[in-house]
Amino acid sequence: MVAYTAKEVFIQGITRDGRTFRPSDWAERLAGVMSSFRPGGPRPGSHLGYSPWCIPTTLDGVKCVVVHPALRDHDAMAWDFVMNFARDNDLQVTEACLLPADKPGAAG
């Protein structure tokens, strides 16, 4: 069995009091702002795709942004920006490991 040790941070589009966060495209907007933070640094056209360290997704019907800890190692201020966004908007934050969809037991 493969051990998944890297833990991502899941910023969920639900406030601590259970309300759905708006606007509905908040996850795509946040990930878009973070698009230039990537392995090897920004490259021409990198703003056209999401960073592998900050990915918008939907889990169980809830908009989320999955933030990889490598972002913190690459640029502490970028990490702080994302974490402060979650705190300032009172969003639920969970640390977990996202399993690849092709692995047994992974959500897909």
PDB file of N, CA and C in Angstrom:
ATOM      1  N   MET A   1       0.842  -1.176   0.000  1.00  0.00           N
ATOM      2  CA  MET A   1       0.000   0.000   0.000  1.00  0.00           C
ATOM      3  C   MET A   1       0.885   1.234   0.000  1.00  0.00           C
ATOM      4  N   VAL A   2       0.528   2.237  -0.799  1.00  0.00           N
ATOM      5  CA  VAL A   2       1.294   3.476  -0.908  1.00  0.00           C
ATOM      6  C   VAL A   2       0.860   4.423   0.199  1.00  0.00           C
ATOM      7  N   ALA A   3       1.830   5.011   0.894  1.00  0.00           N
ATOM      8  CA  ALA A   3       1.526   5.997   1.935  1.00  0.00           C
ATOM      9  C   ALA A   3       1.549   7.384   1.311  1.00  0.00           C
ATOM     10  N   TYR A   4       0.503   8.153   1.530  1.00  0.00           N
ATOM     11  CA  TYR A   4       0.432   9.523   1.043  1.00  0.00           C
ATOM     12  C   TYR A   4       0.762  10.436   2.219  1.00  0.00           C
ATOM     13  N   THR A   5       1.960  11.018   2.183  1.00  0.00           N
ATOM     14  CA  THR A   5       2.401  11.822   3.308  1.00  0.00           C
ATOM     15  C   THR A   5       2.235  13.314   3.080  1.00  0.00           C
ATOM     16  N   ALA A   6       2.191  13.759   1.825  1.00  0.00           N
ATOM     17  CA  ALA A   6       2.021  15.181   1.559  1.00  0.00           C
ATOM     18  C   ALA A   6       0.602  15.583   1.915  1.00  0.00           C
ATOM     19  N   LYS A   7       0.465  16.587   2.739  1.00  0.00           N
ATOM     20  CA  LYS A   7      -0.861  17.056   3.122  1.00  0.00           C
ATOM     21  C   LYS A   7      -1.117  18.406   2.492  1.00  0.00           C
ATOM     22  N   GLU A   8      -2.204  18.483   1.789  1.00  0.00           N
ATOM     23  CA  GLU A   8      -2.628  19.738   1.221  1.00  0.00           C
ATOM     24  C   GLU A   8      -3.567  20.436   2.194  1.00  0.00           C
ATOM     25  N   VAL A   9      -3.749  21.715   1.970  1.00  0.00           N
ATOM     26  CA  VAL A   9      -4.716  22.491   2.731  1.00  0.00           C
ATOM     27  C   VAL A   9      -5.915  22.701   1.821  1.00  0.00           C
ATOM     28  N   PHE A  10      -7.090  22.374   2.320  1.00  0.00           N
ATOM     29  CA  PHE A  10      -8.333  22.534   1.583  1.00  0.00           C
ATOM     30  C   PHE A  10      -9.060  23.749   2.147  1.00  0.00           C
ATOM     31  N   ILE A  11      -9.161  24.791   1.331  1.00  0.00           N
ATOM     32  CA  ILE A  11      -9.963  25.953   1.709  1.00  0.00           C
ATOM     33  C   ILE A  11     -11.338  25.709   1.124  1.00  0.00           C
ATOM     34  N   GLN A  12     -12.317  25.575   1.992  1.00  0.00           N
ATOM     35  CA  GLN A  12     -13.663  25.218   1.565  1.00  0.00           C
ATOM     36  C   GLN A  12     -14.539  26.454   1.453  1.00  0.00           C
ATOM     37  N   GLY A  13     -15.426  26.442   0.499  1.00  0.00           N
ATOM     38  CA  GLY A  13     -16.323  27.568   0.265  1.00  0.00           C
ATOM     39  C   GLY A  13     -17.510  27.584   1.190  1.00  0.00           C
ATOM     40  N   ILE A  14     -17.258  27.254   2.448  1.00  0.00           N
ATOM     41  CA  ILE A  14     -18.288  27.285   3.482  1.00  0.00           C
ATOM     42  C   ILE A  14     -17.703  28.058   4.658  1.00  0.00           C
ATOM     43  N   THR A  15     -18.452  29.045   5.128  1.00  0.00           N
ATOM     44  CA  THR A  15     -17.973  29.807   6.276  1.00  0.00           C
ATOM     45  C   THR A  15     -18.103  28.960   7.544  1.00  0.00           C
ATOM     46  N   ARG A  16     -17.460  29.403   8.596  1.00  0.00           N
ATOM     47  CA  ARG A  16     -17.504  28.644   9.855  1.00  0.00           C
ATOM     48  C   ARG A  16     -18.916  28.494  10.404  1.00  0.00           C
ATOM     49  N   ASP A  17     -19.803  29.426  10.049  1.00  0.00           N
ATOM     50  CA  ASP A  17     -21.185  29.301  10.520  1.00  0.00           C
ATOM     51  C   ASP A  17     -22.089  28.576   9.516  1.00  0.00           C
ATOM     52  N   GLY A  18     -21.466  27.947   8.475  1.00  0.00           N
ATOM     53  CA  GLY A  18     -22.199  27.074   7.573  1.00  0.00           C
ATOM     54  C   GLY A  18     -22.769  27.710   6.323  1.00  0.00           C
ATOM     55  N   ARG A  19     -22.528  28.985   6.097  1.00  0.00           N
ATOM     56  CA  ARG A  19     -23.044  29.641   4.897  1.00  0.00           C
ATOM     57  C   ARG A  19     -22.145  29.365   3.691  1.00  0.00           C
ATOM     58  N   THR A  20     -22.759  29.277   2.514  1.00  0.00           N
ATOM     59  CA  THR A  20     -21.993  29.126   1.274  1.00  0.00           C
ATOM     60  C   THR A  20     -21.341  30.458   0.946  1.00  0.00           C
ATOM     61  N   PHE A  21     -20.040  30.421   0.668  1.00  0.00           N
ATOM     62  CA  PHE A  21     -19.299  31.640   0.363  1.00  0.00           C
ATOM     63  C   PHE A  21     -19.615  32.103  -1.051  1.00  0.00           C
ATOM     64  N   ARG A  22     -19.754  33.382  -1.229  1.00  0.00           N
ATOM     65  CA  ARG A  22     -20.027  34.004  -2.522  1.00  0.00           C
ATOM     66  C   ARG A  22     -18.943  35.019  -2.824  1.00  0.00           C
ATOM     67  N   PRO A  23     -18.646  35.283  -4.083  1.00  0.00           N
ATOM     68  CA  PRO A  23     -19.343  34.849  -5.287  1.00  0.00           C
ATOM     69  C   PRO A  23     -19.074  33.385  -5.599  1.00  0.00           C
ATOM     70  N   SER A  24     -19.881  32.818  -6.455  1.00  0.00           N
ATOM     71  CA  SER A  24     -19.790  31.385  -6.734  1.00  0.00           C
ATOM     72  C   SER A  24     -18.492  30.994  -7.437  1.00  0.00           C
ATOM     73  N   ASP A  25     -17.809  31.945  -8.056  1.00  0.00           N
ATOM     74  CA  ASP A  25     -16.545  31.632  -8.733  1.00  0.00           C
ATOM     75  C   ASP A  25     -15.314  32.026  -7.913  1.00  0.00           C
ATOM     76  N   TRP A  26     -15.481  32.135  -6.597  1.00  0.00           N
ATOM     77  CA  TRP A  26     -14.379  32.574  -5.735  1.00  0.00           C
ATOM     78  C   TRP A  26     -13.152  31.673  -5.866  1.00  0.00           C
ATOM     79  N   ALA A  27     -13.347  30.363  -5.989  1.00  0.00           N
ATOM     80  CA  ALA A  27     -12.223  29.417  -6.042  1.00  0.00           C
ATOM     81  C   ALA A  27     -11.400  29.635  -7.315  1.00  0.00           C
ATOM     82  N   GLU A  28     -12.075  29.822  -8.428  1.00  0.00           N
ATOM     83  CA  GLU A  28     -11.375  30.063  -9.689  1.00  0.00           C
ATOM     84  C   GLU A  28     -10.644  31.402  -9.656  1.00  0.00           C
ATOM     85  N   ARG A  29     -11.248  32.403  -9.025  1.00  0.00           N
ATOM     86  CA  ARG A  29     -10.608  33.716  -8.918  1.00  0.00           C
ATOM     87  C   ARG A  29      -9.340  33.636  -8.065  1.00  0.00           C
ATOM     88  N   LEU A  30      -9.448  32.987  -6.906  1.00  0.00           N
ATOM     89  CA  LEU A  30      -8.287  32.866  -6.024  1.00  0.00           C
ATOM     90  C   LEU A  30      -7.172  32.084  -6.711  1.00  0.00           C
ATOM     91  N   ALA A  31      -7.506  30.970  -7.323  1.00  0.00           N
ATOM     92  CA  ALA A  31      -6.498  30.169  -8.021  1.00  0.00           C
ATOM     93  C   ALA A  31      -5.908  30.939  -9.199  1.00  0.00           C
ATOM     94  N   GLY A  32      -6.710  31.752  -9.860  1.00  0.00           N
ATOM     95  CA  GLY A  32      -6.213  32.566 -10.962  1.00  0.00           C
ATOM     96  C   GLY A  32      -5.183  33.578 -10.504  1.00  0.00           C
ATOM     97  N   VAL A  33      -5.431  34.195  -9.364  1.00  0.00           N
ATOM     98  CA  VAL A  33      -4.470  35.153  -8.796  1.00  0.00           C
ATOM     99  C   VAL A  33      -3.148  34.448  -8.494  1.00  0.00           C
ATOM    100  N   MET A  34      -3.217  33.192  -8.107  1.00  0.00           N
ATOM    101  CA  MET A  34      -2.026  32.442  -7.703  1.00  0.00           C
ATOM    102  C   MET A  34      -1.367  31.704  -8.867  1.00  0.00           C
ATOM    103  N   SER A  35      -1.847  31.890 -10.092  1.00  0.00           N
ATOM    104  CA  SER A  35      -1.382  31.101 -11.234  1.00  0.00           C
ATOM    105  C   SER A  35       0.107  31.244 -11.535  1.00  0.00           C
ATOM    106  N   SER A  36       0.709  32.364 -11.215  1.00  0.00           N
ATOM    107  CA  SER A  36       2.128  32.542 -11.543  1.00  0.00           C
ATOM    108  C   SER A  36       3.061  31.877 -10.532  1.00  0.00           C
ATOM    109  N   PHE A  37       2.528  31.427  -9.418  1.00  0.00           N
ATOM    110  CA  PHE A  37       3.344  30.733  -8.417  1.00  0.00           C
ATOM    111  C   PHE A  37       3.366  29.258  -8.759  1.00  0.00           C
ATOM    112  N   ARG A  38       4.512  28.823  -9.289  1.00  0.00           N
ATOM    113  CA  ARG A  38       4.619  27.453  -9.790  1.00  0.00           C
ATOM    114  C   ARG A  38       6.074  27.018  -9.775  1.00  0.00           C
ATOM    115  N   PRO A  39       6.320  25.719  -9.853  1.00  0.00           N
ATOM    116  CA  PRO A  39       7.708  25.242  -9.928  1.00  0.00           C
ATOM    117  C   PRO A  39       8.430  25.902 -11.101  1.00  0.00           C
ATOM    118  N   GLY A  40       9.606  26.398 -10.868  1.00  0.00           N
ATOM    119  CA  GLY A  40      10.375  27.064 -11.916  1.00  0.00           C
ATOM    120  C   GLY A  40      10.006  28.520 -12.108  1.00  0.00           C
ATOM    121  N   GLY A  41       9.024  29.007 -11.362  1.00  0.00           N
ATOM    122  CA  GLY A  41       8.628  30.402 -11.459  1.00  0.00           C
ATOM    123  C   GLY A  41       7.699  30.662 -12.626  1.00  0.00           C
ATOM    124  N   PRO A  42       7.228  31.907 -12.735  1.00  0.00           N
ATOM    125  CA  PRO A  42       6.307  32.237 -13.831  1.00  0.00           C
ATOM    126  C   PRO A  42       6.996  32.158 -15.187  1.00  0.00           C
ATOM    127  N   ARG A  43       6.239  31.741 -16.169  1.00  0.00           N
ATOM    128  CA  ARG A  43       6.721  31.658 -17.551  1.00  0.00           C
ATOM    129  C   ARG A  43       5.708  32.362 -18.443  1.00  0.00           C
ATOM    130  N   PRO A  44       6.114  32.723 -19.639  1.00  0.00           N
ATOM    131  CA  PRO A  44       5.134  33.324 -20.553  1.00  0.00           C
ATOM    132  C   PRO A  44       3.926  32.405 -20.704  1.00  0.00           C
ATOM    133  N   GLY A  45       2.765  32.969 -20.535  1.00  0.00           N
ATOM    134  CA  GLY A  45       1.534  32.201 -20.670  1.00  0.00           C
ATOM    135  C   GLY A  45       1.101  31.465 -19.413  1.00  0.00           C
ATOM    136  N   SER A  46       1.892  31.529 -18.327  1.00  0.00           N
ATOM    137  CA  SER A  46       1.529  30.773 -17.122  1.00  0.00           C
ATOM    138  C   SER A  46       0.245  31.299 -16.490  1.00  0.00           C
ATOM    139  N   HIS A  47      -0.129  32.516 -16.826  1.00  0.00           N
ATOM    140  CA  HIS A  47      -1.380  33.070 -16.295  1.00  0.00           C
ATOM    141  C   HIS A  47      -2.608  32.416 -16.933  1.00  0.00           C
ATOM    142  N   LEU A  48      -2.379  31.599 -17.950  1.00  0.00           N
ATOM    143  CA  LEU A  48      -3.490  30.950 -18.643  1.00  0.00           C
ATOM    144  C   LEU A  48      -3.891  29.615 -18.017  1.00  0.00           C
ATOM    145  N   GLY A  49      -3.133  29.155 -17.040  1.00  0.00           N
ATOM    146  CA  GLY A  49      -3.444  27.894 -16.372  1.00  0.00           C
ATOM    147  C   GLY A  49      -3.205  28.027 -14.882  1.00  0.00           C
ATOM    148  N   TYR A  50      -3.810  27.161 -14.111  1.00  0.00           N
ATOM    149  CA  TYR A  50      -3.656  27.217 -12.660  1.00  0.00           C
ATOM    150  C   TYR A  50      -2.301  26.657 -12.235  1.00  0.00           C
ATOM    151  N   SER A  51      -1.802  27.164 -11.151  1.00  0.00           N
ATOM    152  CA  SER A  51      -0.592  26.637 -10.553  1.00  0.00           C
ATOM    153  C   SER A  51      -0.879  25.242 -10.005  1.00  0.00           C
ATOM    154  N   PRO A  52       0.082  24.323 -10.087  1.00  0.00           N
ATOM    155  CA  PRO A  52      -0.138  23.010  -9.483  1.00  0.00           C
ATOM    156  C   PRO A  52      -0.167  23.085  -7.956  1.00  0.00           C
ATOM    157  N   TRP A  53       0.161  24.231  -7.412  1.00  0.00           N
ATOM    158  CA  TRP A  53       0.167  24.420  -5.953  1.00  0.00           C
ATOM    159  C   TRP A  53      -1.112  25.058  -5.428  1.00  0.00           C
ATOM    160  N   CYS A  54      -2.020  25.461  -6.299  1.00  0.00           N
ATOM    161  CA  CYS A  54      -3.244  26.143  -5.865  1.00  0.00           C
ATOM    162  C   CYS A  54      -4.329  25.852  -6.899  1.00  0.00           C
ATOM    163  N   ILE A  55      -5.116  24.833  -6.626  1.00  0.00           N
ATOM    164  CA  ILE A  55      -6.030  24.289  -7.632  1.00  0.00           C
ATOM    165  C   ILE A  55      -7.487  24.393  -7.165  1.00  0.00           C
ATOM    166  N   PRO A  56      -8.348  25.011  -7.991  1.00  0.00           N
ATOM    167  CA  PRO A  56      -9.771  25.027  -7.643  1.00  0.00           C
ATOM    168  C   PRO A  56     -10.402  23.682  -7.981  1.00  0.00           C
ATOM    169  N   THR A  57     -11.329  23.267  -7.158  1.00  0.00           N
ATOM    170  CA  THR A  57     -12.029  22.006  -7.401  1.00  0.00           C
ATOM    171  C   THR A  57     -13.353  22.037  -6.660  1.00  0.00           C
ATOM    172  N   THR A  58     -14.129  21.006  -6.850  1.00  0.00           N
ATOM    173  CA  THR A  58     -15.373  20.832  -6.103  1.00  0.00           C
ATOM    174  C   THR A  58     -15.326  19.452  -5.457  1.00  0.00           C
ATOM    175  N   LEU A  59     -15.539  19.415  -4.158  1.00  0.00           N
ATOM    176  CA  LEU A  59     -15.548  18.155  -3.416  1.00  0.00           C
ATOM    177  C   LEU A  59     -16.879  18.039  -2.680  1.00  0.00           C
ATOM    178  N   ASP A  60     -17.590  16.973  -2.950  1.00  0.00           N
ATOM    179  CA  ASP A  60     -18.907  16.753  -2.341  1.00  0.00           C
ATOM    180  C   ASP A  60     -19.824  17.962  -2.511  1.00  0.00           C
ATOM    181  N   GLY A  61     -19.772  18.575  -3.694  1.00  0.00           N
ATOM    182  CA  GLY A  61     -20.643  19.701  -3.995  1.00  0.00           C
ATOM    183  C   GLY A  61     -20.207  21.037  -3.404  1.00  0.00           C
ATOM    184  N   VAL A  62     -19.032  21.075  -2.783  1.00  0.00           N
ATOM    185  CA  VAL A  62     -18.531  22.302  -2.158  1.00  0.00           C
ATOM    186  C   VAL A  62     -17.316  22.796  -2.938  1.00  0.00           C
ATOM    187  N   LYS A  63     -17.366  24.059  -3.356  1.00  0.00           N
ATOM    188  CA  LYS A  63     -16.205  24.668  -4.021  1.00  0.00           C
ATOM    189  C   LYS A  63     -15.058  24.724  -3.030  1.00  0.00           C
ATOM    190  N   CYS A  64     -13.860  24.384  -3.515  1.00  0.00           N
ATOM    191  CA  CYS A  64     -12.664  24.378  -2.673  1.00  0.00           C
ATOM    192  C   CYS A  64     -11.469  24.853  -3.488  1.00  0.00           C
ATOM    193  N   VAL A  65     -10.434  25.258  -2.773  1.00  0.00           N
ATOM    194  CA  VAL A  65      -9.128  25.457  -3.371  1.00  0.00           C
ATOM    195  C   VAL A  65      -8.173  24.565  -2.602  1.00  0.00           C
ATOM    196  N   VAL A  66      -7.463  23.712  -3.330  1.00  0.00           N
ATOM    197  CA  VAL A  66      -6.486  22.822  -2.723  1.00  0.00           C
ATOM    198  C   VAL A  66      -5.123  23.506  -2.845  1.00  0.00           C
ATOM    199  N   VAL A  67      -4.494  23.746  -1.711  1.00  0.00           N
ATOM    200  CA  VAL A  67      -3.217  24.449  -1.672  1.00  0.00           C
ATOM    201  C   VAL A  67      -2.137  23.475  -1.213  1.00  0.00           C
ATOM    202  N   HIS A  68      -1.120  23.289  -2.034  1.00  0.00           N
ATOM    203  CA  HIS A  68      -0.032  22.366  -1.725  1.00  0.00           C
ATOM    204  C   HIS A  68       1.010  23.073  -0.853  1.00  0.00           C
ATOM    205  N   PRO A  69       1.580  22.374   0.126  1.00  0.00           N
ATOM    206  CA  PRO A  69       2.572  23.007   1.017  1.00  0.00           C
ATOM    207  C   PRO A  69       3.828  23.495   0.308  1.00  0.00           C
ATOM    208  N   ALA A  70       4.093  23.030  -0.905  1.00  0.00           N
ATOM    209  CA  ALA A  70       5.261  23.514  -1.653  1.00  0.00           C
ATOM    210  C   ALA A  70       5.151  25.009  -1.928  1.00  0.00           C
ATOM    211  N   LEU A  71       3.925  25.544  -1.963  1.00  0.00           N
ATOM    212  CA  LEU A  71       3.758  26.981  -2.154  1.00  0.00           C
ATOM    213  C   LEU A  71       4.423  27.744  -1.012  1.00  0.00           C
ATOM    214  N   ARG A  72       4.255  27.263   0.208  1.00  0.00           N
ATOM    215  CA  ARG A  72       4.858  27.913   1.381  1.00  0.00           C
ATOM    216  C   ARG A  72       6.380  27.917   1.269  1.00  0.00           C
ATOM    217  N   ASP A  73       6.959  26.814   0.795  1.00  0.00           N
ATOM    218  CA  ASP A  73       8.415  26.734   0.639  1.00  0.00           C
ATOM    219  C   ASP A  73       8.914  27.639  -0.480  1.00  0.00           C
ATOM    220  N   HIS A  74       8.116  27.780  -1.532  1.00  0.00           N
ATOM    221  CA  HIS A  74       8.498  28.590  -2.692  1.00  0.00           C
ATOM    222  C   HIS A  74       8.383  30.089  -2.399  1.00  0.00           C
ATOM    223  N   ASP A  75       7.276  30.488  -1.761  1.00  0.00           N
ATOM    224  CA  ASP A  75       7.029  31.909  -1.509  1.00  0.00           C
ATOM    225  C   ASP A  75       6.119  32.058  -0.295  1.00  0.00           C
ATOM    226  N   ALA A  76       6.716  32.370   0.840  1.00  0.00           N
ATOM    227  CA  ALA A  76       5.968  32.474   2.094  1.00  0.00           C
ATOM    228  C   ALA A  76       4.893  33.556   2.027  1.00  0.00           C
ATOM    229  N   MET A  77       5.145  34.637   1.307  1.00  0.00           N
ATOM    230  CA  MET A  77       4.144  35.703   1.203  1.00  0.00           C
ATOM    231  C   MET A  77       2.928  35.246   0.396  1.00  0.00           C
ATOM    232  N   ALA A  78       3.136  34.436  -0.629  1.00  0.00           N
ATOM    233  CA  ALA A  78       2.021  33.897  -1.404  1.00  0.00           C
ATOM    234  C   ALA A  78       1.188  32.956  -0.526  1.00  0.00           C
ATOM    235  N   TRP A  79       1.870  32.121   0.241  1.00  0.00           N
ATOM    236  CA  TRP A  79       1.183  31.227   1.177  1.00  0.00           C
ATOM    237  C   TRP A  79       0.347  32.040   2.166  1.00  0.00           C
ATOM    238  N   ASP A  80       0.958  33.073   2.736  1.00  0.00           N
ATOM    239  CA  ASP A  80       0.246  33.923   3.693  1.00  0.00           C
ATOM    240  C   ASP A  80      -0.973  34.587   3.052  1.00  0.00           C
ATOM    241  N   PHE A  81      -0.834  35.001   1.796  1.00  0.00           N
ATOM    242  CA  PHE A  81      -1.955  35.623   1.091  1.00  0.00           C
ATOM    243  C   PHE A  81      -3.152  34.675   1.036  1.00  0.00           C
ATOM    244  N   VAL A  82      -2.896  33.438   0.646  1.00  0.00           N
ATOM    245  CA  VAL A  82      -3.979  32.454   0.517  1.00  0.00           C
ATOM    246  C   VAL A  82      -4.585  32.132   1.885  1.00  0.00           C
ATOM    247  N   MET A  83      -3.743  31.923   2.874  1.00  0.00           N
ATOM    248  CA  MET A  83      -4.244  31.600   4.210  1.00  0.00           C
ATOM    249  C   MET A  83      -4.999  32.790   4.830  1.00  0.00           C
ATOM    250  N   ASN A  84      -4.508  34.002   4.581  1.00  0.00           N
ATOM    251  CA  ASN A  84      -5.202  35.188   5.087  1.00  0.00           C
ATOM    252  C   ASN A  84      -6.538  35.394   4.378  1.00  0.00           C
ATOM    253  N   PHE A  85      -6.621  35.032   3.093  1.00  0.00           N
ATOM    254  CA  PHE A  85      -7.890  35.089   2.377  1.00  0.00           C
ATOM    255  C   PHE A  85      -8.915  34.202   3.089  1.00  0.00           C
ATOM    256  N   ALA A  86      -8.499  32.997   3.421  1.00  0.00           N
ATOM    257  CA  ALA A  86      -9.402  32.066   4.110  1.00  0.00           C
ATOM    258  C   ALA A  86      -9.806  32.619   5.477  1.00  0.00           C
ATOM    259  N   ARG A  87      -8.843  33.127   6.225  1.00  0.00           N
ATOM    260  CA  ARG A  87      -9.132  33.656   7.560  1.00  0.00           C
ATOM    261  C   ARG A  87     -10.033  34.885   7.476  1.00  0.00           C
ATOM    262  N   ASP A  88      -9.687  35.824   6.589  1.00  0.00           N
ATOM    263  CA  ASP A  88     -10.458  37.067   6.485  1.00  0.00           C
ATOM    264  C   ASP A  88     -11.898  36.831   6.067  1.00  0.00           C
ATOM    265  N   ASN A  89     -12.142  35.755   5.316  1.00  0.00           N
ATOM    266  CA  ASN A  89     -13.495  35.437   4.861  1.00  0.00           C
ATOM    267  C   ASN A  89     -14.160  34.359   5.701  1.00  0.00           C
ATOM    268  N   ASP A  90     -13.518  33.996   6.807  1.00  0.00           N
ATOM    269  CA  ASP A  90     -14.056  33.040   7.783  1.00  0.00           C
ATOM    270  C   ASP A  90     -14.390  31.692   7.135  1.00  0.00           C
ATOM    271  N   LEU A  91     -13.516  31.257   6.191  1.00  0.00           N
ATOM    272  CA  LEU A  91     -13.748  30.003   5.490  1.00  0.00           C
ATOM    273  C   LEU A  91     -13.179  28.822   6.275  1.00  0.00           C
ATOM    274  N   GLN A  92     -13.815  27.681   6.123  1.00  0.00           N
ATOM    275  CA  GLN A  92     -13.331  26.468   6.755  1.00  0.00           C
ATOM    276  C   GLN A  92     -12.075  25.983   6.036  1.00  0.00           C
ATOM    277  N   VAL A  93     -11.073  25.613   6.809  1.00  0.00           N
ATOM    278  CA  VAL A  93      -9.802  25.134   6.279  1.00  0.00           C
ATOM    279  C   VAL A  93      -9.511  23.779   6.899  1.00  0.00           C
ATOM    280  N   THR A  94      -9.166  22.816   6.053  1.00  0.00           N
ATOM    281  CA  THR A  94      -8.876  21.461   6.507  1.00  0.00           C
ATOM    282  C   THR A  94      -7.566  21.001   5.893  1.00  0.00           C
ATOM    283  N   GLU A  95      -6.781  20.280   6.663  1.00  0.00           N
ATOM    284  CA  GLU A  95      -5.555  19.689   6.138  1.00  0.00           C
ATOM    285  C   GLU A  95      -5.817  18.220   5.884  1.00  0.00           C
ATOM    286  N   ALA A  96      -5.511  17.773   4.667  1.00  0.00           N
ATOM    287  CA  ALA A  96      -5.761  16.386   4.282  1.00  0.00           C
ATOM    288  C   ALA A  96      -4.866  16.032   3.118  1.00  0.00           C
ATOM    289  N   CYS A  97      -4.993  14.813   2.652  1.00  0.00           N
ATOM    290  CA  CYS A  97      -4.229  14.354   1.493  1.00  0.00           C
ATOM    291  C   CYS A  97      -5.217  14.046   0.386  1.00  0.00           C
ATOM    292  N   LEU A  98      -5.052  14.699  -0.754  1.00  0.00           N
ATOM    293  CA  LEU A  98      -5.904  14.447  -1.908  1.00  0.00           C
ATOM    294  C   LEU A  98      -5.367  13.229  -2.642  1.00  0.00           C
ATOM    295  N   LEU A  99      -6.189  12.192  -2.729  1.00  0.00           N
ATOM    296  CA  LEU A  99      -5.779  10.968  -3.402  1.00  0.00           C
ATOM    297  C   LEU A  99      -6.022  11.093  -4.897  1.00  0.00           C
ATOM    298  N   PRO A 100      -5.103  10.584  -5.709  1.00  0.00           N
ATOM    299  CA  PRO A 100      -5.334  10.598  -7.150  1.00  0.00           C
ATOM    300  C   PRO A 100      -6.594   9.788  -7.479  1.00  0.00           C
ATOM    301  N   ALA A 101      -7.348  10.229  -8.470  1.00  0.00           N
ATOM    302  CA  ALA A 101      -8.622   9.613  -8.815  1.00  0.00           C
ATOM    303  C   ALA A 101      -8.482   8.186  -9.298  1.00  0.00           C
ATOM    304  N   ASP A 102      -7.307   7.789  -9.806  1.00  0.00           N
ATOM    305  CA  ASP A 102      -7.143   6.435 -10.340  1.00  0.00           C
ATOM    306  C   ASP A 102      -6.717   5.428  -9.286  1.00  0.00           C
ATOM    307  N   LYS A 103      -6.599   5.846  -8.022  1.00  0.00           N
ATOM    308  CA  LYS A 103      -6.199   4.929  -6.948  1.00  0.00           C
ATOM    309  C   LYS A 103      -7.445   4.346  -6.269  1.00  0.00           C
ATOM    310  N   PRO A 104      -7.371   3.094  -5.811  1.00  0.00           N
ATOM    311  CA  PRO A 104      -8.499   2.500  -5.107  1.00  0.00           C
ATOM    312  C   PRO A 104      -8.839   3.325  -3.864  1.00  0.00           C
ATOM    313  N   GLY A 105     -10.121   3.544  -3.667  1.00  0.00           N
ATOM    314  CA  GLY A 105     -10.571   4.289  -2.496  1.00  0.00           C
ATOM    315  C   GLY A 105     -10.594   5.790  -2.722  1.00  0.00           C
ATOM    316  N   ALA A 106     -10.130   6.255  -3.849  1.00  0.00           N
ATOM    317  CA  ALA A 106     -10.113   7.693  -4.118  1.00  0.00           C
ATOM    318  C   ALA A 106     -11.474   8.115  -4.650  1.00  0.00           C
ATOM    319  N   ALA A 107     -11.873   9.321  -4.249  1.00  0.00           N
ATOM    320  CA  ALA A 107     -13.122   9.871  -4.749  1.00  0.00           C
ATOM    321  C   ALA A 107     -12.937  10.244  -6.202  1.00  0.00           C
ATOM    322  N   GLY A 108     -13.921  10.083  -6.995  1.00  0.00           N
ATOM    323  CA  GLY A 108     -13.746  10.424  -8.389  1.00  0.00           C
ATOM    324  C   GLY A 108     -14.960  10.763  -9.123  1.00  0.00           C
TER     325      GLY A 108
END
